[in-house]
Amino acid sequence: MIGQRGPRAGITVALCSLLPLAGCASEVALDRDVYKIAPKLILKQGEFRVVRTVRGQASCPSLLYIDPPPAIKAVLGIPASAPALTFALGDSALKVRAMEDLHSKHDLLGKPQILHNFVEEWTVANYLGLFAILRLSITAEVLEFTEKSP
């Protein structure tokens, strides 16, 4: 009869509906740090001197900055460094802007210098969860290589 379905039809429909999800289950999550190359530089006493310390800063205001405790974030699957809910009112690429500010404070071009010993400092001024200002300060030391005396 038309319109009657047996138990096999129900199984077929269920398997066909799960077919699009099968590709998602086999997908491999890649770590973002896989393709980073970690340079290894061994500095010895007398080969360099600390020229100065430079600091770059950036901030971004936001509305509804709700940041629950780490235990609740773990249950919800939210990364520990991210708030649960926020609406940025400005450019939220704080790392990029802080590094641009840091590089504008000291000219490294044409000199045997490198930036070393980076420190990131994140602060949030949260006003009852309604308004917040997220600030990032990046500090680094400028090392200048000295010529070895024979």
C-alpha atoms as a PDB file:
ATOM      1  CA  MET A   1       0.000   0.000   0.000  1.00  0.00           C
ATOM      2  CA  ILE A   2       1.069   3.533  -0.652  1.00  0.00           C
ATOM      3  CA  GLY A   3       1.719   5.603   2.480  1.00  0.00           C
ATOM      4  CA  GLN A   4       2.706   2.701   4.746  1.00  0.00           C
ATOM      5  CA  ARG A   5       6.331   2.411   5.773  1.00  0.00           C
ATOM      6  CA  GLY A   6       8.080  -0.559   7.257  1.00  0.00           C
ATOM      7  CA  PRO A   7      10.861  -0.616   9.855  1.00  0.00           C
ATOM      8  CA  ARG A   8      13.519  -0.589   7.105  1.00  0.00           C
ATOM      9  CA  ALA A   9      12.226   2.691   5.694  1.00  0.00           C
ATOM     10  CA  GLY A  10      12.648   4.359   9.094  1.00  0.00           C
ATOM     11  CA  ILE A  11      16.229   3.141   9.378  1.00  0.00           C
ATOM     12  CA  THR A  12      17.008   4.296   5.836  1.00  0.00           C
ATOM     13  CA  VAL A  13      15.620   7.763   6.541  1.00  0.00           C
ATOM     14  CA  ALA A  14      17.617   7.973   9.801  1.00  0.00           C
ATOM     15  CA  LEU A  15      20.871   6.945   8.108  1.00  0.00           C
ATOM     16  CA  CYS A  16      20.337   9.362   5.232  1.00  0.00           C
ATOM     17  CA  SER A  17      19.723  12.209   7.658  1.00  0.00           C
ATOM     18  CA  LEU A  18      23.012  11.436   9.476  1.00  0.00           C
ATOM     19  CA  LEU A  19      25.012  11.299   6.243  1.00  0.00           C
ATOM     20  CA  PRO A  20      25.769  15.062   6.100  1.00  0.00           C
ATOM     21  CA  LEU A  21      27.082  14.919   9.677  1.00  0.00           C
ATOM     22  CA  ALA A  22      29.521  12.093   8.932  1.00  0.00           C
ATOM     23  CA  GLY A  23      32.006  14.472   7.304  1.00  0.00           C
ATOM     24  CA  CYS A  24      32.039  16.728  10.377  1.00  0.00           C
ATOM     25  CA  ALA A  25      32.960  13.889  12.699  1.00  0.00           C
ATOM     26  CA  SER A  26      36.061  12.940  10.710  1.00  0.00           C
ATOM     27  CA  GLU A  27      37.430  16.480  10.512  1.00  0.00           C
ATOM     28  CA  VAL A  28      40.771  17.006  12.267  1.00  0.00           C
ATOM     29  CA  ALA A  29      41.282  20.155  14.334  1.00  0.00           C
ATOM     30  CA  LEU A  30      44.647  21.793  13.663  1.00  0.00           C
ATOM     31  CA  ASP A  31      46.629  23.551  16.316  1.00  0.00           C
ATOM     32  CA  ARG A  32      47.429  27.157  15.363  1.00  0.00           C
ATOM     33  CA  ASP A  33      51.026  26.817  16.563  1.00  0.00           C
ATOM     34  CA  VAL A  34      51.841  23.857  14.298  1.00  0.00           C
ATOM     35  CA  TYR A  35      53.336  25.989  11.536  1.00  0.00           C
ATOM     36  CA  LYS A  36      55.243  28.424  13.719  1.00  0.00           C
ATOM     37  CA  ILE A  37      59.017  28.228  13.581  1.00  0.00           C
ATOM     38  CA  ALA A  38      60.718  28.800  16.900  1.00  0.00           C
ATOM     39  CA  PRO A  39      64.098  30.447  16.271  1.00  0.00           C
ATOM     40  CA  LYS A  40      66.824  29.457  18.680  1.00  0.00           C
ATOM     41  CA  LEU A  41      69.283  32.163  19.576  1.00  0.00           C
ATOM     42  CA  ILE A  42      71.864  31.644  22.293  1.00  0.00           C
ATOM     43  CA  LEU A  43      73.111  34.905  23.744  1.00  0.00           C
ATOM     44  CA  LYS A  44      76.393  34.964  25.651  1.00  0.00           C
ATOM     45  CA  GLN A  45      77.654  37.581  28.076  1.00  0.00           C
ATOM     46  CA  GLY A  46      79.480  40.418  26.306  1.00  0.00           C
ATOM     47  CA  GLU A  47      77.902  39.810  22.873  1.00  0.00           C
ATOM     48  CA  PHE A  48      75.017  42.219  23.460  1.00  0.00           C
ATOM     49  CA  ARG A  49      73.855  45.110  25.569  1.00  0.00           C
ATOM     50  CA  VAL A  50      70.366  46.203  26.579  1.00  0.00           C
ATOM     51  CA  VAL A  51      69.652  49.507  24.857  1.00  0.00           C
ATOM     52  CA  ARG A  52      66.252  50.271  26.353  1.00  0.00           C
ATOM     53  CA  THR A  53      62.829  48.911  27.170  1.00  0.00           C
ATOM     54  CA  VAL A  54      59.934  49.786  24.871  1.00  0.00           C
ATOM     55  CA  ARG A  55      56.205  49.487  25.488  1.00  0.00           C
ATOM     56  CA  GLY A  56      53.306  49.412  23.067  1.00  0.00           C
ATOM     57  CA  GLN A  57      49.712  49.851  24.167  1.00  0.00           C
ATOM     58  CA  ALA A  58      46.236  49.466  22.712  1.00  0.00           C
ATOM     59  CA  SER A  59      42.727  49.566  24.137  1.00  0.00           C
ATOM     60  CA  CYS A  60      39.191  48.837  23.022  1.00  0.00           C
ATOM     61  CA  PRO A  61      35.925  49.874  24.707  1.00  0.00           C
ATOM     62  CA  SER A  62      33.048  47.409  24.708  1.00  0.00           C
ATOM     63  CA  LEU A  63      29.443  47.026  25.816  1.00  0.00           C
ATOM     64  CA  LEU A  64      28.023  44.167  27.890  1.00  0.00           C
ATOM     65  CA  TYR A  65      31.347  42.681  29.005  1.00  0.00           C
ATOM     66  CA  ILE A  66      30.225  39.509  30.778  1.00  0.00           C
ATOM     67  CA  ASP A  67      33.070  37.317  32.005  1.00  0.00           C
ATOM     68  CA  PRO A  68      31.992  34.313  34.118  1.00  0.00           C
ATOM     69  CA  PRO A  69      34.385  32.355  36.380  1.00  0.00           C
ATOM     70  CA  PRO A  70      36.725  29.776  34.764  1.00  0.00           C
ATOM     71  CA  ALA A  71      34.677  26.805  36.031  1.00  0.00           C
ATOM     72  CA  ILE A  72      31.562  28.036  34.209  1.00  0.00           C
ATOM     73  CA  LYS A  73      33.610  28.788  31.076  1.00  0.00           C
ATOM     74  CA  ALA A  74      34.911  25.206  31.074  1.00  0.00           C
ATOM     75  CA  VAL A  75      31.364  23.820  31.225  1.00  0.00           C
ATOM     76  CA  LEU A  76      30.196  26.129  28.411  1.00  0.00           C
ATOM     77  CA  GLY A  77      33.284  25.435  26.277  1.00  0.00           C
ATOM     78  CA  ILE A  78      34.458  29.067  26.233  1.00  0.00           C
ATOM     79  CA  PRO A  79      38.245  29.683  26.124  1.00  0.00           C
ATOM     80  CA  ALA A  80      39.636  30.945  29.437  1.00  0.00           C
ATOM     81  CA  SER A  81      41.018  34.138  27.869  1.00  0.00           C
ATOM     82  CA  ALA A  82      37.741  35.182  26.188  1.00  0.00           C
ATOM     83  CA  PRO A  83      34.658  36.744  27.774  1.00  0.00           C
ATOM     84  CA  ALA A  84      31.308  35.000  27.430  1.00  0.00           C
ATOM     85  CA  LEU A  85      29.617  38.019  25.851  1.00  0.00           C
ATOM     86  CA  THR A  86      30.883  41.378  24.647  1.00  0.00           C
ATOM     87  CA  PHE A  87      30.302  43.863  21.854  1.00  0.00           C
ATOM     88  CA  ALA A  88      33.464  45.724  20.843  1.00  0.00           C
ATOM     89  CA  LEU A  89      32.944  49.408  20.031  1.00  0.00           C
ATOM     90  CA  GLY A  90      36.277  49.841  18.272  1.00  0.00           C
ATOM     91  CA  ASP A  91      39.036  47.929  16.538  1.00  0.00           C
ATOM     92  CA  SER A  92      39.431  44.757  18.599  1.00  0.00           C
ATOM     93  CA  ALA A  93      42.774  43.654  17.067  1.00  0.00           C
ATOM     94  CA  LEU A  94      44.633  44.694  20.204  1.00  0.00           C
ATOM     95  CA  LYS A  95      47.773  42.603  19.638  1.00  0.00           C
ATOM     96  CA  VAL A  96      48.320  44.038  16.174  1.00  0.00           C
ATOM     97  CA  ARG A  97      47.788  47.615  17.326  1.00  0.00           C
ATOM     98  CA  ALA A  98      49.965  47.188  20.433  1.00  0.00           C
ATOM     99  CA  MET A  99      52.811  45.725  18.353  1.00  0.00           C
ATOM    100  CA  GLU A 100      52.512  48.579  15.836  1.00  0.00           C
ATOM    101  CA  ASP A 101      52.720  51.049  18.731  1.00  0.00           C
ATOM    102  CA  LEU A 102      55.742  49.205  20.151  1.00  0.00           C
ATOM    103  CA  HIS A 103      57.570  49.283  16.801  1.00  0.00           C
ATOM    104  CA  SER A 104      56.819  52.989  16.383  1.00  0.00           C
ATOM    105  CA  LYS A 105      58.643  53.757  19.660  1.00  0.00           C
ATOM    106  CA  HIS A 106      62.041  52.468  18.492  1.00  0.00           C
ATOM    107  CA  ASP A 107      63.530  52.203  15.003  1.00  0.00           C
ATOM    108  CA  LEU A 108      65.217  48.831  14.464  1.00  0.00           C
ATOM    109  CA  LEU A 109      66.031  49.247  10.760  1.00  0.00           C
ATOM    110  CA  GLY A 110      69.707  49.173   9.771  1.00  0.00           C
ATOM    111  CA  LYS A 111      70.935  48.375  13.265  1.00  0.00           C
ATOM    112  CA  PRO A 112      72.120  45.070  14.759  1.00  0.00           C
ATOM    113  CA  GLN A 113      69.219  45.047  17.221  1.00  0.00           C
ATOM    114  CA  ILE A 114      66.397  42.695  18.151  1.00  0.00           C
ATOM    115  CA  LEU A 115      63.375  42.807  20.434  1.00  0.00           C
ATOM    116  CA  HIS A 116      63.658  40.299  23.259  1.00  0.00           C
ATOM    117  CA  ASN A 117      61.818  39.208  26.390  1.00  0.00           C
ATOM    118  CA  PHE A 118      58.231  40.100  25.430  1.00  0.00           C
ATOM    119  CA  VAL A 119      55.685  40.528  28.225  1.00  0.00           C
ATOM    120  CA  GLU A 120      51.938  40.864  27.545  1.00  0.00           C
ATOM    121  CA  GLU A 121      49.818  42.530  30.199  1.00  0.00           C
ATOM    122  CA  TRP A 122      46.029  42.383  29.798  1.00  0.00           C
ATOM    123  CA  THR A 123      43.774  44.522  31.984  1.00  0.00           C
ATOM    124  CA  VAL A 124      40.016  45.067  31.989  1.00  0.00           C
ATOM    125  CA  ALA A 125      38.244  48.005  33.562  1.00  0.00           C
ATOM    126  CA  ASN A 126      34.748  46.516  33.920  1.00  0.00           C
ATOM    127  CA  TYR A 127      31.931  48.810  35.014  1.00  0.00           C
ATOM    128  CA  LEU A 128      29.150  46.486  36.260  1.00  0.00           C
ATOM    129  CA  GLY A 129      29.250  44.490  33.031  1.00  0.00           C
ATOM    130  CA  LEU A 130      27.575  47.310  31.098  1.00  0.00           C
ATOM    131  CA  PHE A 131      30.735  48.999  29.836  1.00  0.00           C
ATOM    132  CA  ALA A 132      34.358  47.851  29.827  1.00  0.00           C
ATOM    133  CA  ILE A 133      37.720  48.949  28.507  1.00  0.00           C
ATOM    134  CA  LEU A 134      40.103  46.154  27.535  1.00  0.00           C
ATOM    135  CA  ARG A 135      43.774  47.226  27.503  1.00  0.00           C
ATOM    136  CA  LEU A 136      46.878  45.426  26.280  1.00  0.00           C
ATOM    137  CA  SER A 137      50.440  46.510  27.038  1.00  0.00           C
ATOM    138  CA  ILE A 138      53.353  44.719  25.380  1.00  0.00           C
ATOM    139  CA  THR A 139      56.806  45.367  26.799  1.00  0.00           C
ATOM    140  CA  ALA A 140      60.085  44.230  25.217  1.00  0.00           C
ATOM    141  CA  GLU A 141      63.789  44.855  25.655  1.00  0.00           C
ATOM    142  CA  VAL A 142      65.859  46.166  22.757  1.00  0.00           C
ATOM    143  CA  LEU A 143      69.132  44.232  22.545  1.00  0.00           C
ATOM    144  CA  GLU A 144      72.017  45.522  20.464  1.00  0.00           C
ATOM    145  CA  PHE A 145      74.707  43.108  19.380  1.00  0.00           C
ATOM    146  CA  THR A 146      78.249  44.244  20.095  1.00  0.00           C
ATOM    147  CA  GLU A 147      81.253  43.321  18.009  1.00  0.00           C
ATOM    148  CA  LYS A 148      83.475  40.677  19.482  1.00  0.00           C
ATOM    149  CA  SER A 149      86.980  41.895  20.264  1.00  0.00           C
ATOM    150  CA  PRO A 150      89.728  39.592  18.890  1.00  0.00           C
END
